[in-house]
Amino acid sequence: MSTIGILVFTDAEELDFVGPWEVLAAAAQLRGVDRVLLLGERIEPVRCAKGLTVVPDTAWADCPPLDVLLVPGGDGRRRQMVNPAMLAFLGEKAPGCRWVTSVCTGSFVLVAAGLATGRQVTTHWSRIEELRGHPVVVRDDVRYVVDGNVVTAAGVSAGIDMSLWLVGQLHTPEFAREVQRYIQYEPEPPYRA
């Protein structure tokens, strides 16, 4: 059984955490073994970037040991990069995780916590140049990048791809394909660039 913690905070980008939550929760439902938790600084409603309000399952102070930790992006990441409670939480929990992950600009929070220093990382295309100003190796040509146990996804829908890859690591690639079919994720955009 894996315990997966997905952070939520004010102005987090919704799909950055809801997309991965759907993938990982579907896997948990199909297998009946994993647990997916929304983690907040406190157990109180959190208003996200576009207005969705969610209530965390667990407060950081009561968080159990985690196998996977996911940090979303969004405008709220700027406050989280300098939030001592967030940085302390990540510093405490990340060493025990099999996978430490981010979606979009959540990679900046990993950088601020010292978890991505010297590693290959990515972020949303609009923030690539900003990321180059940090002590990391920036990849701007991938949807997600794996460097050791740190996995960063580019933008909102790339978090779904990364999460399916994680399911393949936690279970098997065959099971990840089953989850992909279950959620009917067929990334064929209606409009081509």
N, C-alpha and C. Protein backbone atom coordinates (compact mmCIF):
# COMPACT_ATOMS: atom_id res chain seq x y z
N MET A 1 0.84 -1.19 0.00
CA MET A 1 0.00 0.00 0.00
C MET A 1 0.87 1.24 0.00
N SER A 2 0.51 2.19 -0.84
CA SER A 2 1.23 3.47 -0.89
C SER A 2 0.31 4.56 -0.36
N THR A 3 0.91 5.49 0.37
CA THR A 3 0.20 6.68 0.81
C THR A 3 0.72 7.85 0.00
N ILE A 4 -0.20 8.52 -0.68
CA ILE A 4 0.13 9.61 -1.59
C ILE A 4 -0.44 10.90 -1.03
N GLY A 5 0.42 11.89 -0.87
CA GLY A 5 -0.01 13.18 -0.35
C GLY A 5 0.07 14.24 -1.43
N ILE A 6 -1.03 14.93 -1.65
CA ILE A 6 -1.10 16.00 -2.64
C ILE A 6 -1.36 17.30 -1.89
N LEU A 7 -0.42 18.22 -1.98
CA LEU A 7 -0.55 19.49 -1.28
C LEU A 7 -1.58 20.40 -1.95
N VAL A 8 -2.33 21.12 -1.12
CA VAL A 8 -3.22 22.16 -1.62
C VAL A 8 -2.96 23.42 -0.79
N PHE A 9 -3.05 24.56 -1.46
CA PHE A 9 -2.83 25.85 -0.79
C PHE A 9 -3.57 26.92 -1.57
N THR A 10 -3.77 28.06 -0.96
CA THR A 10 -4.49 29.16 -1.60
C THR A 10 -3.83 29.50 -2.94
N ASP A 11 -4.66 29.62 -3.96
CA ASP A 11 -4.24 29.96 -5.32
C ASP A 11 -3.41 28.87 -6.00
N ALA A 12 -3.53 27.62 -5.53
CA ALA A 12 -2.95 26.49 -6.28
C ALA A 12 -3.77 26.32 -7.55
N GLU A 13 -3.11 25.97 -8.64
CA GLU A 13 -3.80 25.73 -9.91
C GLU A 13 -4.57 24.42 -9.82
N GLU A 14 -5.87 24.48 -10.05
CA GLU A 14 -6.73 23.32 -9.82
C GLU A 14 -6.28 22.06 -10.55
N LEU A 15 -6.11 22.12 -11.85
CA LEU A 15 -5.80 20.89 -12.59
C LEU A 15 -4.42 20.34 -12.21
N ASP A 16 -3.54 21.18 -11.69
CA ASP A 16 -2.24 20.70 -11.24
C ASP A 16 -2.37 19.62 -10.18
N PHE A 17 -3.40 19.73 -9.33
CA PHE A 17 -3.56 18.68 -8.32
C PHE A 17 -4.78 17.79 -8.57
N VAL A 18 -5.82 18.32 -9.21
CA VAL A 18 -7.02 17.50 -9.44
C VAL A 18 -6.76 16.44 -10.51
N GLY A 19 -5.99 16.77 -11.55
CA GLY A 19 -5.65 15.77 -12.57
C GLY A 19 -4.90 14.60 -11.96
N PRO A 20 -3.78 14.87 -11.27
CA PRO A 20 -3.08 13.77 -10.60
C PRO A 20 -3.94 13.05 -9.56
N TRP A 21 -4.76 13.81 -8.82
CA TRP A 21 -5.63 13.18 -7.83
C TRP A 21 -6.55 12.18 -8.51
N GLU A 22 -7.14 12.55 -9.65
CA GLU A 22 -8.03 11.65 -10.37
C GLU A 22 -7.31 10.37 -10.78
N VAL A 23 -6.12 10.51 -11.35
CA VAL A 23 -5.34 9.34 -11.78
C VAL A 23 -5.02 8.45 -10.58
N LEU A 24 -4.47 9.04 -9.54
CA LEU A 24 -4.00 8.27 -8.40
C LEU A 24 -5.16 7.70 -7.58
N ALA A 25 -6.26 8.45 -7.48
CA ALA A 25 -7.44 7.95 -6.77
C ALA A 25 -8.12 6.84 -7.57
N ALA A 26 -8.14 6.95 -8.89
CA ALA A 26 -8.70 5.88 -9.72
C ALA A 26 -7.88 4.61 -9.55
N ALA A 27 -6.55 4.76 -9.52
CA ALA A 27 -5.70 3.60 -9.31
C ALA A 27 -5.98 2.98 -7.94
N ALA A 28 -6.13 3.82 -6.93
CA ALA A 28 -6.43 3.32 -5.58
C ALA A 28 -7.77 2.60 -5.56
N GLN A 29 -8.75 3.14 -6.26
CA GLN A 29 -10.07 2.53 -6.31
C GLN A 29 -10.02 1.17 -7.02
N LEU A 30 -9.31 1.11 -8.13
CA LEU A 30 -9.23 -0.14 -8.89
C LEU A 30 -8.46 -1.23 -8.15
N ARG A 31 -7.38 -0.84 -7.47
CA ARG A 31 -6.55 -1.81 -6.76
C ARG A 31 -6.98 -2.03 -5.32
N GLY A 32 -7.58 -0.98 -4.73
CA GLY A 32 -8.02 -1.09 -3.35
C GLY A 32 -6.90 -1.12 -2.33
N VAL A 33 -5.73 -0.58 -2.72
CA VAL A 33 -4.61 -0.64 -1.77
C VAL A 33 -4.00 0.71 -1.44
N ASP A 34 -4.02 1.66 -2.33
CA ASP A 34 -3.38 2.95 -2.09
C ASP A 34 -4.34 3.91 -1.38
N ARG A 35 -3.74 4.93 -0.79
CA ARG A 35 -4.51 5.98 -0.12
C ARG A 35 -4.02 7.30 -0.66
N VAL A 36 -4.94 8.16 -1.10
CA VAL A 36 -4.60 9.47 -1.65
C VAL A 36 -5.21 10.53 -0.75
N LEU A 37 -4.35 11.42 -0.23
CA LEU A 37 -4.78 12.44 0.71
C LEU A 37 -4.47 13.84 0.19
N LEU A 38 -5.42 14.75 0.34
CA LEU A 38 -5.14 16.17 0.12
C LEU A 38 -4.58 16.72 1.43
N LEU A 39 -3.45 17.40 1.34
CA LEU A 39 -2.75 17.90 2.52
C LEU A 39 -2.79 19.42 2.55
N GLY A 40 -3.22 19.98 3.65
CA GLY A 40 -3.24 21.43 3.81
C GLY A 40 -2.54 21.84 5.09
N GLU A 41 -2.14 23.09 5.12
CA GLU A 41 -1.48 23.59 6.34
C GLU A 41 -2.42 23.39 7.53
N ARG A 42 -3.71 23.60 7.30
CA ARG A 42 -4.74 23.36 8.31
C ARG A 42 -5.92 22.67 7.62
N ILE A 43 -6.79 22.06 8.38
CA ILE A 43 -8.01 21.49 7.80
C ILE A 43 -9.06 22.58 7.81
N GLU A 44 -9.03 23.34 6.73
CA GLU A 44 -10.02 24.40 6.50
C GLU A 44 -10.11 24.61 5.01
N PRO A 45 -11.22 25.16 4.52
CA PRO A 45 -11.38 25.34 3.08
C PRO A 45 -10.22 26.14 2.46
N VAL A 46 -9.79 25.67 1.30
CA VAL A 46 -8.71 26.31 0.55
C VAL A 46 -9.29 26.75 -0.79
N ARG A 47 -9.20 28.05 -1.08
CA ARG A 47 -9.70 28.58 -2.37
C ARG A 47 -8.54 28.57 -3.36
N CYS A 48 -8.76 27.89 -4.47
CA CYS A 48 -7.71 27.71 -5.46
C CYS A 48 -7.74 28.82 -6.52
N ALA A 49 -6.86 28.72 -7.50
CA ALA A 49 -6.60 29.78 -8.46
C ALA A 49 -7.84 30.26 -9.22
N LYS A 50 -8.68 29.36 -9.62
CA LYS A 50 -9.83 29.74 -10.44
C LYS A 50 -11.14 29.70 -9.65
N GLY A 51 -11.04 29.57 -8.33
CA GLY A 51 -12.22 29.65 -7.49
C GLY A 51 -12.71 28.36 -6.87
N LEU A 52 -12.20 27.21 -7.30
CA LEU A 52 -12.59 25.95 -6.68
C LEU A 52 -12.13 25.97 -5.22
N THR A 53 -13.01 25.56 -4.33
CA THR A 53 -12.66 25.47 -2.92
C THR A 53 -12.64 24.00 -2.52
N VAL A 54 -11.57 23.59 -1.87
CA VAL A 54 -11.42 22.20 -1.42
C VAL A 54 -11.09 22.21 0.07
N VAL A 55 -11.35 21.08 0.70
CA VAL A 55 -11.01 20.92 2.11
C VAL A 55 -10.00 19.78 2.22
N PRO A 56 -8.82 20.05 2.76
CA PRO A 56 -7.81 19.00 2.90
C PRO A 56 -8.31 17.85 3.78
N ASP A 57 -7.79 16.66 3.50
CA ASP A 57 -8.09 15.50 4.34
C ASP A 57 -7.29 15.53 5.63
N THR A 58 -6.08 16.06 5.54
CA THR A 58 -5.13 16.00 6.65
C THR A 58 -4.35 17.30 6.73
N ALA A 59 -4.10 17.76 7.93
CA ALA A 59 -3.23 18.92 8.14
C ALA A 59 -1.78 18.44 8.12
N TRP A 60 -0.89 19.34 7.74
CA TRP A 60 0.53 18.98 7.66
C TRP A 60 1.02 18.39 8.98
N ALA A 61 0.59 18.96 10.08
CA ALA A 61 1.06 18.51 11.39
C ALA A 61 0.65 17.07 11.69
N ASP A 62 -0.43 16.60 11.07
CA ASP A 62 -0.94 15.25 11.33
C ASP A 62 -0.68 14.29 10.17
N CYS A 63 0.13 14.70 9.24
CA CYS A 63 0.36 13.91 8.03
C CYS A 63 1.10 12.62 8.35
N PRO A 64 0.59 11.48 7.86
CA PRO A 64 1.30 10.22 8.06
C PRO A 64 2.53 10.14 7.16
N PRO A 65 3.37 9.14 7.32
CA PRO A 65 4.48 8.94 6.39
C PRO A 65 3.93 8.78 4.97
N LEU A 66 4.66 9.34 4.01
CA LEU A 66 4.20 9.34 2.62
C LEU A 66 5.16 8.56 1.73
N ASP A 67 4.60 7.93 0.71
CA ASP A 67 5.40 7.30 -0.34
C ASP A 67 5.59 8.25 -1.51
N VAL A 68 4.57 9.06 -1.77
CA VAL A 68 4.60 10.04 -2.86
C VAL A 68 4.12 11.37 -2.30
N LEU A 69 4.80 12.43 -2.69
CA LEU A 69 4.40 13.79 -2.31
C LEU A 69 4.34 14.61 -3.58
N LEU A 70 3.22 15.31 -3.78
CA LEU A 70 3.03 16.12 -4.99
C LEU A 70 2.76 17.57 -4.61
N VAL A 71 3.49 18.48 -5.27
CA VAL A 71 3.32 19.91 -5.06
C VAL A 71 2.78 20.53 -6.35
N PRO A 72 1.58 21.12 -6.30
CA PRO A 72 1.05 21.78 -7.49
C PRO A 72 1.66 23.17 -7.65
N GLY A 73 1.37 23.78 -8.79
CA GLY A 73 1.81 25.15 -9.03
C GLY A 73 0.65 26.11 -8.93
N GLY A 74 0.78 27.22 -9.63
CA GLY A 74 -0.22 28.28 -9.58
C GLY A 74 0.39 29.50 -8.92
N ASP A 75 -0.35 30.60 -8.94
CA ASP A 75 0.17 31.84 -8.37
C ASP A 75 0.49 31.72 -6.88
N GLY A 76 -0.21 30.83 -6.20
CA GLY A 76 0.04 30.63 -4.77
C GLY A 76 1.41 30.08 -4.46
N ARG A 77 2.08 29.54 -5.47
CA ARG A 77 3.42 28.97 -5.22
C ARG A 77 4.39 30.05 -4.76
N ARG A 78 4.18 31.30 -5.16
CA ARG A 78 5.10 32.37 -4.74
C ARG A 78 5.09 32.53 -3.22
N ARG A 79 3.91 32.48 -2.61
CA ARG A 79 3.84 32.56 -1.14
C ARG A 79 4.42 31.31 -0.50
N GLN A 80 4.18 30.16 -1.13
CA GLN A 80 4.67 28.90 -0.55
C GLN A 80 6.19 28.79 -0.61
N MET A 81 6.80 29.45 -1.58
CA MET A 81 8.26 29.41 -1.69
C MET A 81 8.94 30.09 -0.50
N VAL A 82 8.22 30.95 0.19
CA VAL A 82 8.79 31.65 1.35
C VAL A 82 8.00 31.37 2.62
N ASN A 83 7.13 30.36 2.58
CA ASN A 83 6.33 29.98 3.74
C ASN A 83 7.16 29.03 4.59
N PRO A 84 7.63 29.47 5.77
CA PRO A 84 8.46 28.59 6.60
C PRO A 84 7.79 27.27 6.95
N ALA A 85 6.46 27.29 7.14
CA ALA A 85 5.75 26.06 7.47
C ALA A 85 5.79 25.08 6.30
N MET A 86 5.60 25.58 5.08
CA MET A 86 5.66 24.72 3.90
C MET A 86 7.05 24.13 3.73
N LEU A 87 8.06 24.99 3.82
CA LEU A 87 9.44 24.53 3.61
C LEU A 87 9.84 23.52 4.68
N ALA A 88 9.41 23.75 5.92
CA ALA A 88 9.70 22.79 7.00
C ALA A 88 8.98 21.47 6.76
N PHE A 89 7.73 21.54 6.33
CA PHE A 89 6.97 20.32 6.04
C PHE A 89 7.66 19.51 4.95
N LEU A 90 8.03 20.16 3.86
CA LEU A 90 8.71 19.45 2.78
C LEU A 90 10.04 18.87 3.24
N GLY A 91 10.78 19.64 4.04
CA GLY A 91 12.06 19.17 4.55
C GLY A 91 11.91 17.96 5.45
N GLU A 92 10.80 17.89 6.16
CA GLU A 92 10.55 16.77 7.06
C GLU A 92 10.05 15.54 6.31
N LYS A 93 9.12 15.73 5.37
CA LYS A 93 8.45 14.60 4.71
C LYS A 93 9.20 14.04 3.50
N ALA A 94 9.84 14.89 2.72
CA ALA A 94 10.44 14.45 1.46
C ALA A 94 11.48 13.34 1.62
N PRO A 95 12.35 13.39 2.64
CA PRO A 95 13.37 12.33 2.73
C PRO A 95 12.79 10.91 2.88
N GLY A 96 11.59 10.78 3.40
CA GLY A 96 10.98 9.46 3.55
C GLY A 96 10.17 9.02 2.36
N CYS A 97 10.06 9.86 1.34
CA CYS A 97 9.23 9.56 0.17
C CYS A 97 9.99 8.78 -0.88
N ARG A 98 9.29 7.88 -1.52
CA ARG A 98 9.87 7.20 -2.67
C ARG A 98 9.95 8.16 -3.86
N TRP A 99 8.90 9.01 -4.00
CA TRP A 99 8.84 9.98 -5.09
C TRP A 99 8.42 11.33 -4.55
N VAL A 100 9.14 12.37 -4.96
CA VAL A 100 8.80 13.76 -4.65
C VAL A 100 8.52 14.41 -6.00
N THR A 101 7.30 14.94 -6.16
CA THR A 101 6.87 15.38 -7.48
C THR A 101 6.28 16.78 -7.45
N SER A 102 6.22 17.39 -8.63
CA SER A 102 5.56 18.69 -8.77
C SER A 102 4.91 18.76 -10.14
N VAL A 103 3.95 19.65 -10.22
CA VAL A 103 3.30 19.94 -11.50
C VAL A 103 3.42 21.44 -11.72
N CYS A 104 3.76 21.81 -12.96
CA CYS A 104 3.81 23.21 -13.36
C CYS A 104 4.81 23.97 -12.47
N THR A 105 4.42 25.11 -11.95
CA THR A 105 5.34 25.93 -11.17
C THR A 105 5.52 25.41 -9.74
N GLY A 106 4.94 24.28 -9.42
CA GLY A 106 5.24 23.63 -8.15
C GLY A 106 6.72 23.29 -8.04
N SER A 107 7.39 23.18 -9.20
CA SER A 107 8.84 22.91 -9.18
C SER A 107 9.60 24.00 -8.44
N PHE A 108 9.10 25.23 -8.48
CA PHE A 108 9.76 26.33 -7.76
C PHE A 108 9.71 26.11 -6.25
N VAL A 109 8.64 25.49 -5.77
CA VAL A 109 8.54 25.19 -4.34
C VAL A 109 9.55 24.12 -3.97
N LEU A 110 9.71 23.11 -4.83
CA LEU A 110 10.73 22.09 -4.58
C LEU A 110 12.12 22.73 -4.55
N VAL A 111 12.36 23.66 -5.46
CA VAL A 111 13.66 24.36 -5.50
C VAL A 111 13.85 25.15 -4.21
N ALA A 112 12.84 25.89 -3.78
CA ALA A 112 12.94 26.70 -2.56
C ALA A 112 13.21 25.85 -1.34
N ALA A 113 12.69 24.63 -1.34
CA ALA A 113 12.90 23.72 -0.20
C ALA A 113 14.23 22.98 -0.29
N GLY A 114 14.99 23.21 -1.37
CA GLY A 114 16.28 22.55 -1.53
C GLY A 114 16.18 21.13 -2.02
N LEU A 115 15.02 20.71 -2.52
CA LEU A 115 14.81 19.32 -2.94
C LEU A 115 15.18 19.06 -4.39
N ALA A 116 15.41 20.10 -5.16
CA ALA A 116 15.70 19.92 -6.58
C ALA A 116 17.06 20.48 -6.98
N THR A 117 17.83 20.93 -6.03
CA THR A 117 19.13 21.54 -6.34
C THR A 117 19.99 20.60 -7.16
N GLY A 118 20.48 21.12 -8.30
CA GLY A 118 21.36 20.34 -9.17
C GLY A 118 20.66 19.31 -10.03
N ARG A 119 19.38 19.18 -9.89
CA ARG A 119 18.64 18.16 -10.64
C ARG A 119 18.05 18.72 -11.93
N GLN A 120 17.69 17.82 -12.84
CA GLN A 120 16.95 18.19 -14.03
C GLN A 120 15.49 18.38 -13.64
N VAL A 121 14.93 19.52 -14.01
CA VAL A 121 13.54 19.82 -13.69
C VAL A 121 12.89 20.54 -14.86
N THR A 122 11.56 20.58 -14.83
CA THR A 122 10.83 21.35 -15.82
C THR A 122 9.69 22.09 -15.12
N THR A 123 9.04 22.95 -15.87
CA THR A 123 7.90 23.72 -15.37
C THR A 123 7.07 24.15 -16.57
N HIS A 124 6.05 24.93 -16.31
CA HIS A 124 5.21 25.46 -17.38
C HIS A 124 6.07 26.28 -18.35
N TRP A 125 5.77 26.20 -19.64
CA TRP A 125 6.59 26.87 -20.66
C TRP A 125 6.75 28.36 -20.39
N SER A 126 5.75 28.99 -19.78
CA SER A 126 5.83 30.44 -19.56
C SER A 126 6.76 30.82 -18.41
N ARG A 127 7.23 29.85 -17.66
CA ARG A 127 8.10 30.13 -16.51
C ARG A 127 9.48 29.49 -16.64
N ILE A 128 9.78 28.96 -17.82
CA ILE A 128 11.08 28.30 -18.06
C ILE A 128 12.23 29.27 -17.81
N GLU A 129 12.16 30.48 -18.34
CA GLU A 129 13.27 31.42 -18.17
C GLU A 129 13.46 31.80 -16.70
N GLU A 130 12.38 31.95 -15.99
CA GLU A 130 12.47 32.23 -14.55
C GLU A 130 13.15 31.07 -13.82
N LEU A 131 12.84 29.85 -14.21
CA LEU A 131 13.43 28.68 -13.57
C LEU A 131 14.94 28.60 -13.84
N ARG A 132 15.37 29.10 -15.00
CA ARG A 132 16.80 29.07 -15.33
C ARG A 132 17.63 29.88 -14.34
N GLY A 133 17.02 30.76 -13.58
CA GLY A 133 17.73 31.56 -12.58
C GLY A 133 18.00 30.82 -11.29
N HIS A 134 17.68 29.54 -11.23
CA HIS A 134 17.85 28.74 -10.01
C HIS A 134 18.90 27.65 -10.24
N PRO A 135 19.45 27.07 -9.16
CA PRO A 135 20.50 26.07 -9.30
C PRO A 135 19.97 24.69 -9.71
N VAL A 136 19.39 24.63 -10.91
CA VAL A 136 18.85 23.39 -11.45
C VAL A 136 19.22 23.30 -12.93
N VAL A 137 19.05 22.11 -13.50
CA VAL A 137 19.22 21.90 -14.93
C VAL A 137 17.82 21.92 -15.53
N VAL A 138 17.52 22.94 -16.32
CA VAL A 138 16.17 23.14 -16.83
C VAL A 138 15.98 22.36 -18.13
N ARG A 139 14.88 21.59 -18.16
CA ARG A 139 14.47 20.88 -19.38
C ARG A 139 13.19 21.51 -19.87
N ASP A 140 13.21 22.03 -21.08
CA ASP A 140 12.01 22.66 -21.62
C ASP A 140 11.45 21.89 -22.82
N ASP A 141 11.93 20.68 -23.00
CA ASP A 141 11.54 19.90 -24.17
C ASP A 141 10.79 18.62 -23.81
N VAL A 142 10.26 18.56 -22.59
CA VAL A 142 9.60 17.34 -22.11
C VAL A 142 8.31 17.69 -21.37
N ARG A 143 7.40 16.72 -21.29
CA ARG A 143 6.18 16.92 -20.50
C ARG A 143 6.46 16.67 -19.02
N TYR A 144 7.35 15.73 -18.73
CA TYR A 144 7.80 15.54 -17.36
C TYR A 144 9.21 14.97 -17.41
N VAL A 145 9.93 15.17 -16.32
CA VAL A 145 11.31 14.71 -16.26
C VAL A 145 11.53 14.02 -14.91
N VAL A 146 12.27 12.91 -14.97
CA VAL A 146 12.59 12.14 -13.78
C VAL A 146 14.09 12.28 -13.52
N ASP A 147 14.45 12.72 -12.32
CA ASP A 147 15.86 12.79 -11.93
C ASP A 147 15.96 12.22 -10.52
N GLY A 148 16.44 10.99 -10.43
CA GLY A 148 16.45 10.30 -9.14
C GLY A 148 15.01 10.08 -8.71
N ASN A 149 14.68 10.52 -7.49
CA ASN A 149 13.30 10.35 -7.02
C ASN A 149 12.48 11.63 -7.15
N VAL A 150 13.03 12.62 -7.87
CA VAL A 150 12.32 13.87 -8.09
C VAL A 150 11.75 13.85 -9.51
N VAL A 151 10.43 14.07 -9.59
CA VAL A 151 9.75 14.07 -10.88
C VAL A 151 8.98 15.38 -11.00
N THR A 152 9.25 16.13 -12.07
CA THR A 152 8.57 17.41 -12.28
C THR A 152 7.85 17.36 -13.62
N ALA A 153 6.61 17.89 -13.62
CA ALA A 153 5.80 17.91 -14.85
C ALA A 153 5.66 19.34 -15.33
N ALA A 154 5.57 19.50 -16.64
CA ALA A 154 5.57 20.83 -17.26
C ALA A 154 4.34 21.65 -16.90
N GLY A 155 3.21 21.35 -17.47
CA GLY A 155 2.02 22.15 -17.21
C GLY A 155 0.87 21.28 -16.78
N VAL A 156 -0.28 21.88 -16.65
CA VAL A 156 -1.41 21.23 -16.00
C VAL A 156 -1.70 19.81 -16.51
N SER A 157 -1.87 19.62 -17.81
CA SER A 157 -2.19 18.28 -18.30
C SER A 157 -0.99 17.34 -18.25
N ALA A 158 0.22 17.88 -18.24
CA ALA A 158 1.40 17.03 -18.11
C ALA A 158 1.42 16.33 -16.76
N GLY A 159 0.74 16.90 -15.78
CA GLY A 159 0.64 16.25 -14.47
C GLY A 159 -0.12 14.94 -14.54
N ILE A 160 -1.06 14.84 -15.48
CA ILE A 160 -1.79 13.58 -15.68
C ILE A 160 -0.84 12.54 -16.24
N ASP A 161 -0.04 12.93 -17.24
CA ASP A 161 0.95 12.01 -17.82
C ASP A 161 1.91 11.51 -16.74
N MET A 162 2.43 12.46 -15.94
CA MET A 162 3.37 12.09 -14.88
C MET A 162 2.72 11.13 -13.89
N SER A 163 1.47 11.39 -13.56
CA SER A 163 0.77 10.55 -12.57
C SER A 163 0.56 9.14 -13.10
N LEU A 164 0.25 9.01 -14.38
CA LEU A 164 0.14 7.67 -14.96
C LEU A 164 1.48 6.96 -14.92
N TRP A 165 2.57 7.69 -15.18
CA TRP A 165 3.91 7.10 -15.08
C TRP A 165 4.15 6.63 -13.64
N LEU A 166 3.74 7.45 -12.66
CA LEU A 166 3.91 7.07 -11.25
C LEU A 166 3.14 5.79 -10.93
N VAL A 167 1.93 5.67 -11.44
CA VAL A 167 1.15 4.44 -11.22
C VAL A 167 1.93 3.24 -11.75
N GLY A 168 2.58 3.41 -12.90
CA GLY A 168 3.40 2.33 -13.45
C GLY A 168 4.58 1.99 -12.57
N GLN A 169 5.12 2.97 -11.86
CA GLN A 169 6.24 2.73 -10.94
C GLN A 169 5.76 2.09 -9.64
N LEU A 170 4.63 2.56 -9.14
CA LEU A 170 4.09 2.03 -7.88
C LEU A 170 3.52 0.63 -8.05
N HIS A 171 3.01 0.34 -9.26
CA HIS A 171 2.39 -0.95 -9.54
C HIS A 171 3.10 -1.57 -10.75
N THR A 172 2.47 -1.49 -11.91
CA THR A 172 3.09 -1.99 -13.15
C THR A 172 2.64 -1.10 -14.30
N PRO A 173 3.42 -1.06 -15.39
CA PRO A 173 2.97 -0.32 -16.57
C PRO A 173 1.62 -0.83 -17.10
N GLU A 174 1.40 -2.14 -17.01
CA GLU A 174 0.13 -2.69 -17.48
C GLU A 174 -1.04 -2.13 -16.67
N PHE A 175 -0.85 -2.03 -15.36
CA PHE A 175 -1.91 -1.47 -14.52
C PHE A 175 -2.10 0.01 -14.83
N ALA A 176 -1.02 0.73 -15.10
CA ALA A 176 -1.13 2.15 -15.47
C ALA A 176 -1.96 2.31 -16.74
N ARG A 177 -1.77 1.41 -17.70
CA ARG A 177 -2.58 1.45 -18.93
C ARG A 177 -4.06 1.18 -18.61
N GLU A 178 -4.31 0.29 -17.65
CA GLU A 178 -5.68 0.01 -17.22
C GLU A 178 -6.31 1.27 -16.61
N VAL A 179 -5.55 1.98 -15.79
CA VAL A 179 -6.04 3.22 -15.19
C VAL A 179 -6.29 4.25 -16.28
N GLN A 180 -5.38 4.37 -17.23
CA GLN A 180 -5.54 5.31 -18.33
C GLN A 180 -6.82 5.03 -19.10
N ARG A 181 -7.09 3.77 -19.36
CA ARG A 181 -8.33 3.41 -20.05
C ARG A 181 -9.54 3.71 -19.17
N TYR A 182 -9.44 3.41 -17.88
CA TYR A 182 -10.56 3.63 -16.95
C TYR A 182 -10.98 5.10 -16.92
N ILE A 183 -9.99 6.00 -16.89
CA ILE A 183 -10.32 7.43 -16.84
C ILE A 183 -10.53 8.00 -18.25
N GLN A 184 -10.42 7.15 -19.24
CA GLN A 184 -10.57 7.48 -20.65
C GLN A 184 -9.71 8.68 -21.03
N TYR A 185 -8.43 8.58 -20.66
CA TYR A 185 -7.46 9.61 -20.99
C TYR A 185 -6.82 9.24 -22.31
N GLU A 186 -7.22 9.93 -23.34
CA GLU A 186 -6.71 9.69 -24.69
C GLU A 186 -6.22 11.03 -25.22
N PRO A 187 -4.99 11.39 -24.91
CA PRO A 187 -4.50 12.75 -25.20
C PRO A 187 -4.39 13.05 -26.70
N GLU A 188 -5.53 13.29 -27.30
CA GLU A 188 -5.59 13.66 -28.70
C GLU A 188 -6.33 15.00 -28.74
N PRO A 189 -5.61 16.10 -28.72
CA PRO A 189 -6.26 17.41 -28.60
C PRO A 189 -7.18 17.71 -29.80
N PRO A 190 -8.28 18.42 -29.53
CA PRO A 190 -9.21 18.76 -30.62
C PRO A 190 -8.64 19.78 -31.59
N TYR A 191 -7.66 20.57 -31.13
CA TYR A 191 -7.02 21.57 -31.99
C TYR A 191 -5.53 21.33 -31.98
N ARG A 192 -4.92 21.37 -33.11
CA ARG A 192 -3.49 21.18 -33.22
C ARG A 192 -2.81 22.56 -33.28
N ALA A 193 -1.66 22.66 -32.66
CA ALA A 193 -0.91 23.93 -32.67
C ALA A 193 -0.38 24.24 -34.05
